[in-house]
Amino acid sequence: MNEKKLRTVIEYENHFSDFLKLQSDKVQNKIFKIIEIIEILEFIPEQYLKSIKGTKGLYEVRIRLGSNIWRVFCFFDNEYLVILLSGFAKKSQRTPQREIEKAERLMKKYHSEKTKK
């Protein structure tokens, strides 16, 4: 894919890269492919990016490889910026509440640091 980017994807702190380092090359490649899809598609299919119910602006990047599932939390800052937060391997049907709370804390921290600048 060599299309024009509509969004720039960046990481906040190092939570995402710490998560990424723990994954196999195959999983890392799949995650990068999905991030590229998010960068170039105007309308992102829900199979790749879904808003999390009960939160204000928190989304999950959805990664599936075989029967394994991973999630990476993110949010939009302005129209074109996606901030990658923490990630985890999904073991159950529901996203664990502690993972959502962690991502919400990181999102609040990001916004409070940004307003101080």
PDB file of N, CA and C in Angstrom:
ATOM      1  N   MET A   1       0.841  -1.189   0.000  1.00  0.00           N
ATOM      2  CA  MET A   1       0.000   0.000   0.000  1.00  0.00           C
ATOM      3  C   MET A   1       0.883   1.248   0.000  1.00  0.00           C
ATOM      4  N   ASN A   2       0.720   2.021  -1.019  1.00  0.00           N
ATOM      5  CA  ASN A   2       1.511   3.237  -1.097  1.00  0.00           C
ATOM      6  C   ASN A   2       0.607   4.430  -1.304  1.00  0.00           C
ATOM      7  N   GLU A   3      -0.477   4.439  -0.584  1.00  0.00           N
ATOM      8  CA  GLU A   3      -1.464   5.500  -0.738  1.00  0.00           C
ATOM      9  C   GLU A   3      -1.162   6.642   0.213  1.00  0.00           C
ATOM     10  N   LYS A   4      -1.805   7.760  -0.053  1.00  0.00           N
ATOM     11  CA  LYS A   4      -1.603   8.953   0.758  1.00  0.00           C
ATOM     12  C   LYS A   4      -2.208   8.750   2.153  1.00  0.00           C
ATOM     13  N   LYS A   5      -1.474   9.164   3.152  1.00  0.00           N
ATOM     14  CA  LYS A   5      -1.958   9.043   4.528  1.00  0.00           C
ATOM     15  C   LYS A   5      -2.992  10.120   4.823  1.00  0.00           C
ATOM     16  N   LEU A   6      -4.082   9.715   5.444  1.00  0.00           N
ATOM     17  CA  LEU A   6      -5.095  10.655   5.914  1.00  0.00           C
ATOM     18  C   LEU A   6      -4.889  10.975   7.389  1.00  0.00           C
ATOM     19  N   ARG A   7      -4.230  10.063   8.089  1.00  0.00           N
ATOM     20  CA  ARG A   7      -3.982  10.215   9.520  1.00  0.00           C
ATOM     21  C   ARG A   7      -2.530   9.897   9.818  1.00  0.00           C
ATOM     22  N   THR A   8      -2.022  10.504  10.843  1.00  0.00           N
ATOM     23  CA  THR A   8      -0.701  10.162  11.354  1.00  0.00           C
ATOM     24  C   THR A   8      -0.910   9.428  12.662  1.00  0.00           C
ATOM     25  N   VAL A   9      -0.319   8.262  12.770  1.00  0.00           N
ATOM     26  CA  VAL A   9      -0.452   7.451  13.981  1.00  0.00           C
ATOM     27  C   VAL A   9       0.810   7.625  14.808  1.00  0.00           C
ATOM     28  N   ILE A  10       0.629   8.028  16.052  1.00  0.00           N
ATOM     29  CA  ILE A  10       1.774   8.185  16.946  1.00  0.00           C
ATOM     30  C   ILE A  10       1.525   7.445  18.253  1.00  0.00           C
ATOM     31  N   GLU A  11       2.588   7.238  18.972  1.00  0.00           N
ATOM     32  CA  GLU A  11       2.521   6.555  20.263  1.00  0.00           C
ATOM     33  C   GLU A  11       2.624   7.575  21.382  1.00  0.00           C
ATOM     34  N   TYR A  12       1.860   7.353  22.431  1.00  0.00           N
ATOM     35  CA  TYR A  12       1.979   8.170  23.636  1.00  0.00           C
ATOM     36  C   TYR A  12       2.756   7.372  24.671  1.00  0.00           C
ATOM     37  N   GLU A  13       3.805   7.967  25.182  1.00  0.00           N
ATOM     38  CA  GLU A  13       4.740   7.306  26.099  1.00  0.00           C
ATOM     39  C   GLU A  13       5.266   6.048  25.415  1.00  0.00           C
ATOM     40  N   ASN A  14       5.457   4.960  26.119  1.00  0.00           N
ATOM     41  CA  ASN A  14       6.055   3.784  25.470  1.00  0.00           C
ATOM     42  C   ASN A  14       5.233   2.512  25.694  1.00  0.00           C
ATOM     43  N   HIS A  15       3.981   2.661  26.068  1.00  0.00           N
ATOM     44  CA  HIS A  15       3.147   1.491  26.375  1.00  0.00           C
ATOM     45  C   HIS A  15       2.961   0.591  25.160  1.00  0.00           C
ATOM     46  N   PHE A  16       2.702   1.217  24.012  1.00  0.00           N
ATOM     47  CA  PHE A  16       2.479   0.436  22.797  1.00  0.00           C
ATOM     48  C   PHE A  16       3.749  -0.297  22.369  1.00  0.00           C
ATOM     49  N   SER A  17       4.888   0.394  22.342  1.00  0.00           N
ATOM     50  CA  SER A  17       6.123  -0.271  21.907  1.00  0.00           C
ATOM     51  C   SER A  17       6.537  -1.375  22.877  1.00  0.00           C
ATOM     52  N   ASP A  18       6.286  -1.180  24.174  1.00  0.00           N
ATOM     53  CA  ASP A  18       6.568  -2.253  25.149  1.00  0.00           C
ATOM     54  C   ASP A  18       5.731  -3.492  24.835  1.00  0.00           C
ATOM     55  N   PHE A  19       4.448  -3.269  24.518  1.00  0.00           N
ATOM     56  CA  PHE A  19       3.544  -4.364  24.147  1.00  0.00           C
ATOM     57  C   PHE A  19       4.023  -5.019  22.852  1.00  0.00           C
ATOM     58  N   LEU A  20       4.388  -4.191  21.875  1.00  0.00           N
ATOM     59  CA  LEU A  20       4.789  -4.685  20.558  1.00  0.00           C
ATOM     60  C   LEU A  20       6.023  -5.581  20.643  1.00  0.00           C
ATOM     61  N   LYS A  21       7.001  -5.199  21.466  1.00  0.00           N
ATOM     62  CA  LYS A  21       8.242  -5.967  21.604  1.00  0.00           C
ATOM     63  C   LYS A  21       7.996  -7.400  22.093  1.00  0.00           C
ATOM     64  N   LEU A  22       6.907  -7.596  22.818  1.00  0.00           N
ATOM     65  CA  LEU A  22       6.595  -8.914  23.360  1.00  0.00           C
ATOM     66  C   LEU A  22       5.929  -9.841  22.334  1.00  0.00           C
ATOM     67  N   GLN A  23       5.555  -9.291  21.182  1.00  0.00           N
ATOM     68  CA  GLN A  23       4.834 -10.070  20.176  1.00  0.00           C
ATOM     69  C   GLN A  23       5.799 -10.675  19.154  1.00  0.00           C
ATOM     70  N   SER A  24       5.349 -11.764  18.531  1.00  0.00           N
ATOM     71  CA  SER A  24       6.149 -12.397  17.479  1.00  0.00           C
ATOM     72  C   SER A  24       6.208 -11.485  16.252  1.00  0.00           C
ATOM     73  N   ASP A  25       7.149 -11.763  15.352  1.00  0.00           N
ATOM     74  CA  ASP A  25       7.268 -10.976  14.119  1.00  0.00           C
ATOM     75  C   ASP A  25       5.972 -11.014  13.318  1.00  0.00           C
ATOM     76  N   LYS A  26       5.347 -12.175  13.278  1.00  0.00           N
ATOM     77  CA  LYS A  26       4.102 -12.335  12.520  1.00  0.00           C
ATOM     78  C   LYS A  26       3.007 -11.417  13.074  1.00  0.00           C
ATOM     79  N   VAL A  27       2.886 -11.362  14.396  1.00  0.00           N
ATOM     80  CA  VAL A  27       1.877 -10.502  15.037  1.00  0.00           C
ATOM     81  C   VAL A  27       2.243  -9.031  14.821  1.00  0.00           C
ATOM     82  N   GLN A  28       3.513  -8.686  14.978  1.00  0.00           N
ATOM     83  CA  GLN A  28       3.947  -7.304  14.745  1.00  0.00           C
ATOM     84  C   GLN A  28       3.606  -6.854  13.329  1.00  0.00           C
ATOM     85  N   ASN A  29       3.866  -7.717  12.338  1.00  0.00           N
ATOM     86  CA  ASN A  29       3.563  -7.375  10.947  1.00  0.00           C
ATOM     87  C   ASN A  29       2.075  -7.149  10.746  1.00  0.00           C
ATOM     88  N   LYS A  30       1.251  -7.967  11.368  1.00  0.00           N
ATOM     89  CA  LYS A  30      -0.199  -7.815  11.261  1.00  0.00           C
ATOM     90  C   LYS A  30      -0.633  -6.489  11.888  1.00  0.00           C
ATOM     91  N   ILE A  31      -0.081  -6.154  13.045  1.00  0.00           N
ATOM     92  CA  ILE A  31      -0.407  -4.892  13.719  1.00  0.00           C
ATOM     93  C   ILE A  31      -0.024  -3.707  12.824  1.00  0.00           C
ATOM     94  N   PHE A  32       1.164  -3.760  12.222  1.00  0.00           N
ATOM     95  CA  PHE A  32       1.596  -2.663  11.343  1.00  0.00           C
ATOM     96  C   PHE A  32       0.702  -2.536  10.109  1.00  0.00           C
ATOM     97  N   LYS A  33       0.243  -3.675   9.574  1.00  0.00           N
ATOM     98  CA  LYS A  33      -0.672  -3.635   8.422  1.00  0.00           C
ATOM     99  C   LYS A  33      -1.979  -2.931   8.790  1.00  0.00           C
ATOM    100  N   ILE A  34      -2.499  -3.248   9.962  1.00  0.00           N
ATOM    101  CA  ILE A  34      -3.767  -2.637  10.393  1.00  0.00           C
ATOM    102  C   ILE A  34      -3.565  -1.150  10.676  1.00  0.00           C
ATOM    103  N   ILE A  35      -2.438  -0.787  11.264  1.00  0.00           N
ATOM    104  CA  ILE A  35      -2.146   0.641  11.484  1.00  0.00           C
ATOM    105  C   ILE A  35      -2.082   1.366  10.145  1.00  0.00           C
ATOM    106  N   GLU A  36      -1.484   0.728   9.149  1.00  0.00           N
ATOM    107  CA  GLU A  36      -1.418   1.340   7.820  1.00  0.00           C
ATOM    108  C   GLU A  36      -2.824   1.539   7.238  1.00  0.00           C
ATOM    109  N   ILE A  37      -3.700   0.573   7.428  1.00  0.00           N
ATOM    110  CA  ILE A  37      -5.092   0.697   6.979  1.00  0.00           C
ATOM    111  C   ILE A  37      -5.752   1.899   7.648  1.00  0.00           C
ATOM    112  N   ILE A  38      -5.518   2.054   8.948  1.00  0.00           N
ATOM    113  CA  ILE A  38      -6.098   3.177   9.693  1.00  0.00           C
ATOM    114  C   ILE A  38      -5.553   4.509   9.163  1.00  0.00           C
ATOM    115  N   GLU A  39      -4.296   4.523   8.757  1.00  0.00           N
ATOM    116  CA  GLU A  39      -3.692   5.755   8.248  1.00  0.00           C
ATOM    117  C   GLU A  39      -4.255   6.173   6.892  1.00  0.00           C
ATOM    118  N   ILE A  40      -4.607   5.210   6.037  1.00  0.00           N
ATOM    119  CA  ILE A  40      -4.942   5.572   4.656  1.00  0.00           C
ATOM    120  C   ILE A  40      -6.429   5.535   4.310  1.00  0.00           C
ATOM    121  N   LEU A  41      -7.233   4.780   5.035  1.00  0.00           N
ATOM    122  CA  LEU A  41      -8.653   4.696   4.680  1.00  0.00           C
ATOM    123  C   LEU A  41      -9.442   5.828   5.309  1.00  0.00           C
ATOM    124  N   GLU A  42     -10.302   6.434   4.525  1.00  0.00           N
ATOM    125  CA  GLU A  42     -11.147   7.502   5.058  1.00  0.00           C
ATOM    126  C   GLU A  42     -12.149   6.929   6.063  1.00  0.00           C
ATOM    127  N   PHE A  43     -12.781   5.824   5.683  1.00  0.00           N
ATOM    128  CA  PHE A  43     -13.728   5.154   6.577  1.00  0.00           C
ATOM    129  C   PHE A  43     -13.128   3.814   6.975  1.00  0.00           C
ATOM    130  N   ILE A  44     -12.830   3.676   8.243  1.00  0.00           N
ATOM    131  CA  ILE A  44     -12.145   2.481   8.738  1.00  0.00           C
ATOM    132  C   ILE A  44     -13.189   1.446   9.151  1.00  0.00           C
ATOM    133  N   PRO A  45     -13.132   0.240   8.580  1.00  0.00           N
ATOM    134  CA  PRO A  45     -14.094  -0.798   8.960  1.00  0.00           C
ATOM    135  C   PRO A  45     -13.986  -1.146  10.446  1.00  0.00           C
ATOM    136  N   GLU A  46     -15.138  -1.463  11.044  1.00  0.00           N
ATOM    137  CA  GLU A  46     -15.182  -1.787  12.472  1.00  0.00           C
ATOM    138  C   GLU A  46     -14.337  -3.012  12.812  1.00  0.00           C
ATOM    139  N   GLN A  47     -14.064  -3.855  11.838  1.00  0.00           N
ATOM    140  CA  GLN A  47     -13.227  -5.026  12.124  1.00  0.00           C
ATOM    141  C   GLN A  47     -11.800  -4.605  12.487  1.00  0.00           C
ATOM    142  N   TYR A  48     -11.407  -3.369  12.144  1.00  0.00           N
ATOM    143  CA  TYR A  48     -10.069  -2.874  12.455  1.00  0.00           C
ATOM    144  C   TYR A  48     -10.039  -1.834  13.569  1.00  0.00           C
ATOM    145  N   LEU A  49     -11.082  -1.046  13.687  1.00  0.00           N
ATOM    146  CA  LEU A  49     -11.105   0.023  14.689  1.00  0.00           C
ATOM    147  C   LEU A  49     -12.534   0.196  15.181  1.00  0.00           C
ATOM    148  N   LYS A  50     -12.718   0.061  16.495  1.00  0.00           N
ATOM    149  CA  LYS A  50     -14.069   0.131  17.057  1.00  0.00           C
ATOM    150  C   LYS A  50     -14.050   0.993  18.308  1.00  0.00           C
ATOM    151  N   SER A  51     -15.078   1.838  18.439  1.00  0.00           N
ATOM    152  CA  SER A  51     -15.160   2.647  19.658  1.00  0.00           C
ATOM    153  C   SER A  51     -15.599   1.755  20.817  1.00  0.00           C
ATOM    154  N   ILE A  52     -15.137   2.102  21.995  1.00  0.00           N
ATOM    155  CA  ILE A  52     -15.452   1.306  23.179  1.00  0.00           C
ATOM    156  C   ILE A  52     -16.648   1.932  23.886  1.00  0.00           C
ATOM    157  N   LYS A  53     -17.705   1.184  23.987  1.00  0.00           N
ATOM    158  CA  LYS A  53     -18.930   1.669  24.635  1.00  0.00           C
ATOM    159  C   LYS A  53     -18.658   2.067  26.078  1.00  0.00           C
ATOM    160  N   GLY A  54     -19.311   3.143  26.498  1.00  0.00           N
ATOM    161  CA  GLY A  54     -19.179   3.581  27.878  1.00  0.00           C
ATOM    162  C   GLY A  54     -17.957   4.444  28.137  1.00  0.00           C
ATOM    163  N   THR A  55     -17.217   4.798  27.077  1.00  0.00           N
ATOM    164  CA  THR A  55     -16.043   5.666  27.239  1.00  0.00           C
ATOM    165  C   THR A  55     -16.236   6.907  26.376  1.00  0.00           C
ATOM    166  N   LYS A  56     -15.455   7.924  26.667  1.00  0.00           N
ATOM    167  CA  LYS A  56     -15.505   9.159  25.877  1.00  0.00           C
ATOM    168  C   LYS A  56     -14.321   9.205  24.929  1.00  0.00           C
ATOM    169  N   GLY A  57     -14.507   8.696  23.718  1.00  0.00           N
ATOM    170  CA  GLY A  57     -13.487   8.822  22.693  1.00  0.00           C
ATOM    171  C   GLY A  57     -12.410   7.753  22.667  1.00  0.00           C
ATOM    172  N   LEU A  58     -12.584   6.685  23.434  1.00  0.00           N
ATOM    173  CA  LEU A  58     -11.588   5.611  23.427  1.00  0.00           C
ATOM    174  C   LEU A  58     -11.969   4.578  22.364  1.00  0.00           C
ATOM    175  N   TYR A  59     -10.968   4.139  21.612  1.00  0.00           N
ATOM    176  CA  TYR A  59     -11.158   3.142  20.562  1.00  0.00           C
ATOM    177  C   TYR A  59     -10.211   1.981  20.790  1.00  0.00           C
ATOM    178  N   GLU A  60     -10.502   0.864  20.130  1.00  0.00           N
ATOM    179  CA  GLU A  60      -9.568  -0.249  20.145  1.00  0.00           C
ATOM    180  C   GLU A  60      -9.241  -0.639  18.709  1.00  0.00           C
ATOM    181  N   VAL A  61      -7.942  -0.782  18.439  1.00  0.00           N
ATOM    182  CA  VAL A  61      -7.473  -1.348  17.187  1.00  0.00           C
ATOM    183  C   VAL A  61      -7.605  -2.848  17.363  1.00  0.00           C
ATOM    184  N   ARG A  62      -8.252  -3.488  16.412  1.00  0.00           N
ATOM    185  CA  ARG A  62      -8.576  -4.911  16.551  1.00  0.00           C
ATOM    186  C   ARG A  62      -7.671  -5.749  15.645  1.00  0.00           C
ATOM    187  N   ILE A  63      -6.908  -6.637  16.266  1.00  0.00           N
ATOM    188  CA  ILE A  63      -5.961  -7.479  15.541  1.00  0.00           C
ATOM    189  C   ILE A  63      -6.361  -8.934  15.749  1.00  0.00           C
ATOM    190  N   ARG A  64      -6.480  -9.667  14.657  1.00  0.00           N
ATOM    191  CA  ARG A  64      -6.793 -11.096  14.737  1.00  0.00           C
ATOM    192  C   ARG A  64      -5.820 -11.839  13.838  1.00  0.00           C
ATOM    193  N   LEU A  65      -5.250 -12.895  14.381  1.00  0.00           N
ATOM    194  CA  LEU A  65      -4.345 -13.744  13.616  1.00  0.00           C
ATOM    195  C   LEU A  65      -4.676 -15.178  13.997  1.00  0.00           C
ATOM    196  N   GLY A  66      -5.261 -15.916  13.078  1.00  0.00           N
ATOM    197  CA  GLY A  66      -5.752 -17.251  13.402  1.00  0.00           C
ATOM    198  C   GLY A  66      -6.852 -17.124  14.437  1.00  0.00           C
ATOM    199  N   SER A  67      -6.733 -17.858  15.525  1.00  0.00           N
ATOM    200  CA  SER A  67      -7.750 -17.778  16.584  1.00  0.00           C
ATOM    201  C   SER A  67      -7.323 -16.831  17.713  1.00  0.00           C
ATOM    202  N   ASN A  68      -6.173 -16.159  17.546  1.00  0.00           N
ATOM    203  CA  ASN A  68      -5.681 -15.243  18.577  1.00  0.00           C
ATOM    204  C   ASN A  68      -6.139 -13.818  18.292  1.00  0.00           C
ATOM    205  N   ILE A  69      -6.404 -13.086  19.367  1.00  0.00           N
ATOM    206  CA  ILE A  69      -6.910 -11.718  19.255  1.00  0.00           C
ATOM    207  C   ILE A  69      -6.098 -10.801  20.155  1.00  0.00           C
ATOM    208  N   TRP A  70      -5.756  -9.618  19.624  1.00  0.00           N
ATOM    209  CA  TRP A  70      -5.076  -8.581  20.389  1.00  0.00           C
ATOM    210  C   TRP A  70      -5.857  -7.296  20.239  1.00  0.00           C
ATOM    211  N   ARG A  71      -5.700  -6.422  21.216  1.00  0.00           N
ATOM    212  CA  ARG A  71      -6.324  -5.109  21.171  1.00  0.00           C
ATOM    213  C   ARG A  71      -5.279  -4.059  21.533  1.00  0.00           C
ATOM    214  N   VAL A  72      -5.355  -2.924  20.851  1.00  0.00           N
ATOM    215  CA  VAL A  72      -4.497  -1.785  21.164  1.00  0.00           C
ATOM    216  C   VAL A  72      -5.412  -0.584  21.301  1.00  0.00           C
ATOM    217  N   PHE A  73      -5.349   0.091  22.433  1.00  0.00           N
ATOM    218  CA  PHE A  73      -6.214   1.242  22.667  1.00  0.00           C
ATOM    219  C   PHE A  73      -5.650   2.491  22.007  1.00  0.00           C
ATOM    220  N   CYS A  74      -6.555   3.350  21.586  1.00  0.00           N
ATOM    221  CA  CYS A  74      -6.141   4.598  20.953  1.00  0.00           C
ATOM    222  C   CYS A  74      -7.277   5.608  21.043  1.00  0.00           C
ATOM    223  N   PHE A  75      -6.987   6.832  20.636  1.00  0.00           N
ATOM    224  CA  PHE A  75      -8.006   7.878  20.558  1.00  0.00           C
ATOM    225  C   PHE A  75      -7.563   8.895  19.528  1.00  0.00           C
ATOM    226  N   PHE A  76      -8.490   9.703  19.092  1.00  0.00           N
ATOM    227  CA  PHE A  76      -8.175  10.726  18.099  1.00  0.00           C
ATOM    228  C   PHE A  76      -7.859  12.031  18.812  1.00  0.00           C
ATOM    229  N   ASP A  77      -6.841  12.705  18.325  1.00  0.00           N
ATOM    230  CA  ASP A  77      -6.513  14.053  18.782  1.00  0.00           C
ATOM    231  C   ASP A  77      -6.572  14.902  17.526  1.00  0.00           C
ATOM    232  N   ASN A  78      -7.557  15.740  17.439  1.00  0.00           N
ATOM    233  CA  ASN A  78      -7.900  16.414  16.197  1.00  0.00           C
ATOM    234  C   ASN A  78      -8.418  15.348  15.235  1.00  0.00           C
ATOM    235  N   GLU A  79      -8.561  15.713  14.018  1.00  0.00           N
ATOM    236  CA  GLU A  79      -9.197  14.795  13.084  1.00  0.00           C
ATOM    237  C   GLU A  79      -8.278  13.690  12.583  1.00  0.00           C
ATOM    238  N   TYR A  80      -6.985  13.966  12.528  1.00  0.00           N
ATOM    239  CA  TYR A  80      -6.104  13.040  11.827  1.00  0.00           C
ATOM    240  C   TYR A  80      -5.068  12.335  12.686  1.00  0.00           C
ATOM    241  N   LEU A  81      -5.169  12.453  13.990  1.00  0.00           N
ATOM    242  CA  LEU A  81      -4.113  11.927  14.831  1.00  0.00           C
ATOM    243  C   LEU A  81      -4.650  10.813  15.715  1.00  0.00           C
ATOM    244  N   VAL A  82      -4.020   9.672  15.668  1.00  0.00           N
ATOM    245  CA  VAL A  82      -4.412   8.558  16.506  1.00  0.00           C
ATOM    246  C   VAL A  82      -3.258   8.288  17.465  1.00  0.00           C
ATOM    247  N   ILE A  83      -3.555   8.266  18.749  1.00  0.00           N
ATOM    248  CA  ILE A  83      -2.531   8.047  19.754  1.00  0.00           C
ATOM    249  C   ILE A  83      -2.616   6.590  20.208  1.00  0.00           C
ATOM    250  N   LEU A  84      -1.564   5.841  20.061  1.00  0.00           N
ATOM    251  CA  LEU A  84      -1.568   4.444  20.481  1.00  0.00           C
ATOM    252  C   LEU A  84      -1.217   4.364  21.954  1.00  0.00           C
ATOM    253  N   LEU A  85      -2.065   3.666  22.676  1.00  0.00           N
ATOM    254  CA  LEU A  85      -1.854   3.502  24.115  1.00  0.00           C
ATOM    255  C   LEU A  85      -1.408   2.074  24.385  1.00  0.00           C
ATOM    256  N   SER A  86      -1.969   1.482  25.388  1.00  0.00           N
ATOM    257  CA  SER A  86      -1.570   0.143  25.798  1.00  0.00           C
ATOM    258  C   SER A  86      -2.208  -0.922  24.901  1.00  0.00           C
ATOM    259  N   GLY A  87      -1.640  -2.097  24.914  1.00  0.00           N
ATOM    260  CA  GLY A  87      -2.180  -3.219  24.161  1.00  0.00           C
ATOM    261  C   GLY A  87      -2.179  -4.470  25.015  1.00  0.00           C
ATOM    262  N   PHE A  88      -2.964  -5.470  24.595  1.00  0.00           N
ATOM    263  CA  PHE A  88      -3.015  -6.721  25.340  1.00  0.00           C
ATOM    264  C   PHE A  88      -3.557  -7.832  24.451  1.00  0.00           C
ATOM    265  N   ALA A  89      -3.251  -9.067  24.829  1.00  0.00           N
ATOM    266  CA  ALA A  89      -3.827 -10.229  24.155  1.00  0.00           C
ATOM    267  C   ALA A  89      -5.194 -10.474  24.776  1.00  0.00           C
ATOM    268  N   LYS A  90      -6.179 -10.643  23.934  1.00  0.00           N
ATOM    269  CA  LYS A  90      -7.549 -10.797  24.426  1.00  0.00           C
ATOM    270  C   LYS A  90      -7.826 -12.274  24.656  1.00  0.00           C
ATOM    271  N   LYS A  91      -8.224 -12.604  25.880  1.00  0.00           N
ATOM    272  CA  LYS A  91      -8.435 -14.004  26.252  1.00  0.00           C
ATOM    273  C   LYS A  91      -9.909 -14.339  26.460  1.00  0.00           C
ATOM    274  N   SER A  92     -10.749 -13.311  26.578  1.00  0.00           N
ATOM    275  CA  SER A  92     -12.165 -13.567  26.831  1.00  0.00           C
ATOM    276  C   SER A  92     -13.013 -12.731  25.883  1.00  0.00           C
ATOM    277  N   GLN A  93     -14.310 -12.960  25.914  1.00  0.00           N
ATOM    278  CA  GLN A  93     -15.238 -12.258  25.036  1.00  0.00           C
ATOM    279  C   GLN A  93     -15.233 -10.756  25.281  1.00  0.00           C
ATOM    280  N   ARG A  94     -15.214 -10.370  26.546  1.00  0.00           N
ATOM    281  CA  ARG A  94     -15.276  -8.949  26.908  1.00  0.00           C
ATOM    282  C   ARG A  94     -13.879  -8.385  27.147  1.00  0.00           C
ATOM    283  N   THR A  95     -13.701  -7.132  26.775  1.00  0.00           N
ATOM    284  CA  THR A  95     -12.440  -6.443  27.066  1.00  0.00           C
ATOM    285  C   THR A  95     -12.379  -6.215  28.579  1.00  0.00           C
ATOM    286  N   PRO A  96     -11.292  -6.640  29.239  1.00  0.00           N
ATOM    287  CA  PRO A  96     -11.201  -6.466  30.692  1.00  0.00           C
ATOM    288  C   PRO A  96     -11.328  -4.995  31.107  1.00  0.00           C
ATOM    289  N   GLN A  97     -12.139  -4.744  32.131  1.00  0.00           N
ATOM    290  CA  GLN A  97     -12.379  -3.379  32.604  1.00  0.00           C
ATOM    291  C   GLN A  97     -11.088  -2.698  33.042  1.00  0.00           C
ATOM    292  N   ARG A  98     -10.168  -3.438  33.654  1.00  0.00           N
ATOM    293  CA  ARG A  98      -8.904  -2.832  34.114  1.00  0.00           C
ATOM    294  C   ARG A  98      -8.088  -2.311  32.932  1.00  0.00           C
ATOM    295  N   GLU A  99      -8.170  -2.985  31.771  1.00  0.00           N
ATOM    296  CA  GLU A  99      -7.453  -2.523  30.575  1.00  0.00           C
ATOM    297  C   GLU A  99      -8.081  -1.231  30.050  1.00  0.00           C
ATOM    298  N   ILE A 100      -9.403  -1.161  30.066  1.00  0.00           N
ATOM    299  CA  ILE A 100     -10.099   0.056  29.633  1.00  0.00           C
ATOM    300  C   ILE A 100      -9.752   1.205  30.568  1.00  0.00           C
ATOM    301  N   GLU A 101      -9.771   0.953  31.878  1.00  0.00           N
ATOM    302  CA  GLU A 101      -9.458   1.994  32.870  1.00  0.00           C
ATOM    303  C   GLU A 101      -8.027   2.495  32.704  1.00  0.00           C
ATOM    304  N   LYS A 102      -7.104   1.595  32.429  1.00  0.00           N
ATOM    305  CA  LYS A 102      -5.703   1.984  32.204  1.00  0.00           C
ATOM    306  C   LYS A 102      -5.617   2.911  30.989  1.00  0.00           C
ATOM    307  N   ALA A 103      -6.281   2.541  29.904  1.00  0.00           N
ATOM    308  CA  ALA A 103      -6.262   3.361  28.684  1.00  0.00           C
ATOM    309  C   ALA A 103      -6.914   4.717  28.932  1.00  0.00           C
ATOM    310  N   GLU A 104      -8.001   4.743  29.696  1.00  0.00           N
ATOM    311  CA  GLU A 104      -8.658   6.016  30.005  1.00  0.00           C
ATOM    312  C   GLU A 104      -7.738   6.923  30.827  1.00  0.00           C
ATOM    313  N   ARG A 105      -7.012   6.334  31.785  1.00  0.00           N
ATOM    314  CA  ARG A 105      -6.055   7.124  32.579  1.00  0.00           C
ATOM    315  C   ARG A 105      -4.975   7.730  31.683  1.00  0.00           C
ATOM    316  N   LEU A 106      -4.459   6.929  30.753  1.00  0.00           N
ATOM    317  CA  LEU A 106      -3.421   7.415  29.837  1.00  0.00           C
ATOM    318  C   LEU A 106      -3.968   8.528  28.937  1.00  0.00           C
ATOM    319  N   MET A 107      -5.201   8.385  28.479  1.00  0.00           N
ATOM    320  CA  MET A 107      -5.806   9.398  27.618  1.00  0.00           C
ATOM    321  C   MET A 107      -5.971  10.707  28.384  1.00  0.00           C
ATOM    322  N   LYS A 108      -6.439  10.628  29.640  1.00  0.00           N
ATOM    323  CA  LYS A 108      -6.590  11.836  30.470  1.00  0.00           C
ATOM    324  C   LYS A 108      -5.236  12.493  30.718  1.00  0.00           C
ATOM    325  N   LYS A 109      -4.227  11.670  31.002  1.00  0.00           N
ATOM    326  CA  LYS A 109      -2.876  12.183  31.245  1.00  0.00           C
ATOM    327  C   LYS A 109      -2.352  12.904  30.002  1.00  0.00           C
ATOM    328  N   TYR A 110      -2.565  12.312  28.837  1.00  0.00           N
ATOM    329  CA  TYR A 110      -2.141  12.934  27.576  1.00  0.00           C
ATOM    330  C   TYR A 110      -2.779  14.318  27.432  1.00  0.00           C
ATOM    331  N   HIS A 111      -4.096  14.381  27.615  1.00  0.00           N
ATOM    332  CA  HIS A 111      -4.806  15.659  27.449  1.00  0.00           C
ATOM    333  C   HIS A 111      -4.359  16.701  28.482  1.00  0.00           C
ATOM    334  N   SER A 112      -4.132  16.283  29.728  1.00  0.00           N
ATOM    335  CA  SER A 112      -3.707  17.257  30.733  1.00  0.00           C
ATOM    336  C   SER A 112      -2.292  17.763  30.441  1.00  0.00           C
ATOM    337  N   GLU A 113      -1.404  16.901  29.955  1.00  0.00           N
ATOM    338  CA  GLU A 113      -0.054  17.341  29.582  1.00  0.00           C
ATOM    339  C   GLU A 113      -0.098  18.271  28.376  1.00  0.00           C
ATOM    340  N   LYS A 114      -0.987  17.996  27.437  1.00  0.00           N
ATOM    341  CA  LYS A 114      -1.095  18.816  26.240  1.00  0.00           C
ATOM    342  C   LYS A 114      -1.588  20.220  26.567  1.00  0.00           C
ATOM    343  N   THR A 115      -2.529  20.342  27.508  1.00  0.00           N
ATOM    344  CA  THR A 115      -3.059  21.655  27.848  1.00  0.00           C
ATOM    345  C   THR A 115      -2.047  22.488  28.641  1.00  0.00           C
ATOM    346  N   LYS A 116      -1.052  21.834  29.260  1.00  0.00           N
ATOM    347  CA  LYS A 116      -0.027  22.554  30.015  1.00  0.00           C
ATOM    348  C   LYS A 116       1.026  23.178  29.090  1.00  0.00           C
ATOM    349  N   LYS A 117       1.122  22.647  27.864  1.00  0.00           N
ATOM    350  CA  LYS A 117       2.158  23.134  26.924  1.00  0.00           C
ATOM    351  C   LYS A 117       1.827  24.490  26.381  1.00  0.00           C
TER     352      LYS A 117
END
